[in-house]
Protein backbone atom coordinates (compact mmCIF):
# COMPACT_ATOMS: atom_id res chain seq x y z
CA MET A 1 -180.41 161.13 116.52
CA ILE A 2 -179.89 159.95 119.89
CA GLU A 3 -178.35 161.45 122.39
CA LEU A 4 -176.72 159.72 125.52
CA ILE A 5 -175.57 161.46 128.74
CA PHE A 6 -173.18 159.93 130.94
CA GLU A 7 -171.43 160.71 134.61
CA LEU A 8 -167.94 159.90 135.98
CA GLY A 9 -167.46 161.62 139.21
CA SER A 10 -168.17 165.03 138.61
CA GLU A 11 -167.41 164.83 134.53
CA VAL A 12 -170.08 164.91 132.19
CA ILE A 13 -170.06 163.03 128.81
CA LEU A 14 -172.24 163.57 125.90
CA VAL A 15 -172.65 160.85 123.22
CA VAL A 16 -174.18 161.73 120.08
CA ILE A 17 -175.42 159.06 117.30
CA THR A 18 -176.57 160.11 114.11
CA GLY A 19 -176.61 157.13 111.61
CA LYS A 20 -173.33 155.74 111.43
CA ASP A 21 -171.52 158.88 113.11
CA VAL A 22 -170.35 158.62 116.83
CA LYS A 23 -169.14 162.11 118.53
CA PHE A 24 -168.20 162.31 121.94
CA GLY A 25 -168.17 165.20 124.28
CA SER A 26 -166.99 166.07 127.97
CA THR A 27 -167.17 168.74 130.08
CA ALA A 28 -163.45 168.51 130.93
CA TYR A 29 -162.89 169.40 127.28
CA GLY A 30 -165.49 172.15 126.88
CA ALA A 31 -168.03 169.83 125.65
CA THR A 32 -166.61 169.92 122.26
CA LEU A 33 -167.73 166.93 120.28
CA THR A 34 -165.08 164.90 118.37
CA ASP A 35 -165.05 161.43 116.98
CA ILE A 36 -163.22 158.63 118.55
CA SER A 37 -159.92 159.80 117.38
CA GLY A 38 -160.06 162.85 119.56
CA LEU A 39 -160.37 160.61 122.73
CA LYS A 40 -157.76 160.04 125.11
CA LEU A 41 -157.80 156.11 125.10
CA ASP A 42 -156.71 153.69 127.96
CA TYR A 43 -153.71 151.83 126.72
CA ARG A 44 -154.71 148.81 129.46
CA GLY A 45 -158.77 149.20 128.25
CA VAL A 46 -157.56 148.94 124.45
CA CYS A 47 -155.26 145.78 125.11
CA GLU A 48 -158.25 144.30 126.96
CA GLU A 49 -160.50 144.69 124.43
CA PHE A 50 -158.05 144.06 121.51
CA PRO A 51 -155.24 142.05 122.99
CA ASP A 52 -153.39 141.52 119.66
CA LEU A 53 -152.76 145.35 119.71
CA GLU A 54 -150.68 145.07 123.16
CA LEU A 55 -147.44 145.13 120.93
CA ALA A 56 -148.34 147.33 118.05
CA ASP A 57 -146.75 150.66 117.84
CA ASN A 58 -149.72 152.11 116.35
CA TRP A 59 -152.46 150.84 118.61
CA ARG A 60 -154.34 153.44 119.16
CA GLU A 61 -155.13 154.20 115.45
CA GLN A 62 -155.75 150.72 114.97
CA ALA A 63 -158.49 150.75 118.02
CA CYS A 64 -159.97 153.98 116.36
CA GLU A 65 -160.22 151.77 113.36
CA ARG A 66 -161.84 148.95 114.83
CA PHE A 67 -164.47 151.22 116.51
CA LYS A 68 -165.46 153.06 113.25
CA ASP A 69 -165.76 149.55 111.42
CA MET A 70 -167.61 147.92 114.50
CA ILE A 71 -170.22 150.75 114.28
CA LYS A 72 -170.40 150.62 110.40
CA ASN A 73 -171.61 146.86 110.94
CA MET A 74 -174.38 147.69 113.11
CA LYS A 75 -177.95 148.35 111.52
CA THR A 76 -179.56 150.68 113.97
CA GLU A 77 -178.93 153.91 116.11
CA ASP A 78 -180.36 151.96 118.93
CA GLU A 79 -177.94 149.15 118.63
CA ILE A 80 -175.16 151.63 118.51
CA SER A 81 -176.39 153.30 121.77
CA ASN A 82 -176.50 149.71 123.53
CA TYR A 83 -173.21 148.97 122.41
CA ILE A 84 -172.36 152.59 123.78
CA ILE A 85 -173.97 152.57 127.30
CA GLU A 86 -172.63 148.69 127.93
CA GLU A 87 -168.97 149.72 126.78
CA LEU A 88 -169.06 152.72 128.89
CA GLN A 89 -170.67 151.10 131.90
CA LYS A 90 -167.70 148.65 132.11
CA GLN A 91 -165.39 151.32 132.70
CA GLY A 92 -167.42 152.95 135.49
CA TYR A 93 -169.60 155.48 133.41
CA ARG A 94 -173.01 155.66 134.69
CA ALA A 95 -175.70 156.36 131.83
CA ILE A 96 -178.11 159.17 133.08
CA LYS A 97 -180.37 160.03 130.00
CA LYS A 98 -181.24 159.28 126.65
CA ARG A 99 -183.08 161.25 124.11
CA ARG A 100 -184.36 160.31 120.41
CA LYS A 101 -184.67 163.12 118.15
CA GLY A 102 -184.99 165.85 120.21
CA PHE A 103 -187.85 164.65 122.40
CA ARG A 104 -187.61 164.92 125.95
CA PRO A 105 -184.81 162.74 127.51
CA ILE A 106 -185.53 159.61 129.31
CA ASP A 107 -183.87 158.59 132.50
CA LEU A 108 -181.79 155.32 132.40
């Protein structure tokens, strides 16, 4: 299990990776963990990542499925965490801490 903590302004984001299962939590939503389908996705960001979804009526559902498929194809939790760190930093999130298997967190 890997836990990642990010900041965006005054909001704190928690990402928990357990095997191929990725959960997201935010202080804005009471830190309840949810999978990608429970997040508010930015239409412009999705269209940037997947240009073919720009005219799709179900762009949100397709983007969630593509994210889940991408995660399934990654081999390790480290690979998943590195991908999430890279993608969230592009959106302005600042990675603060990373914790593996309940050990003390390390600063990023």
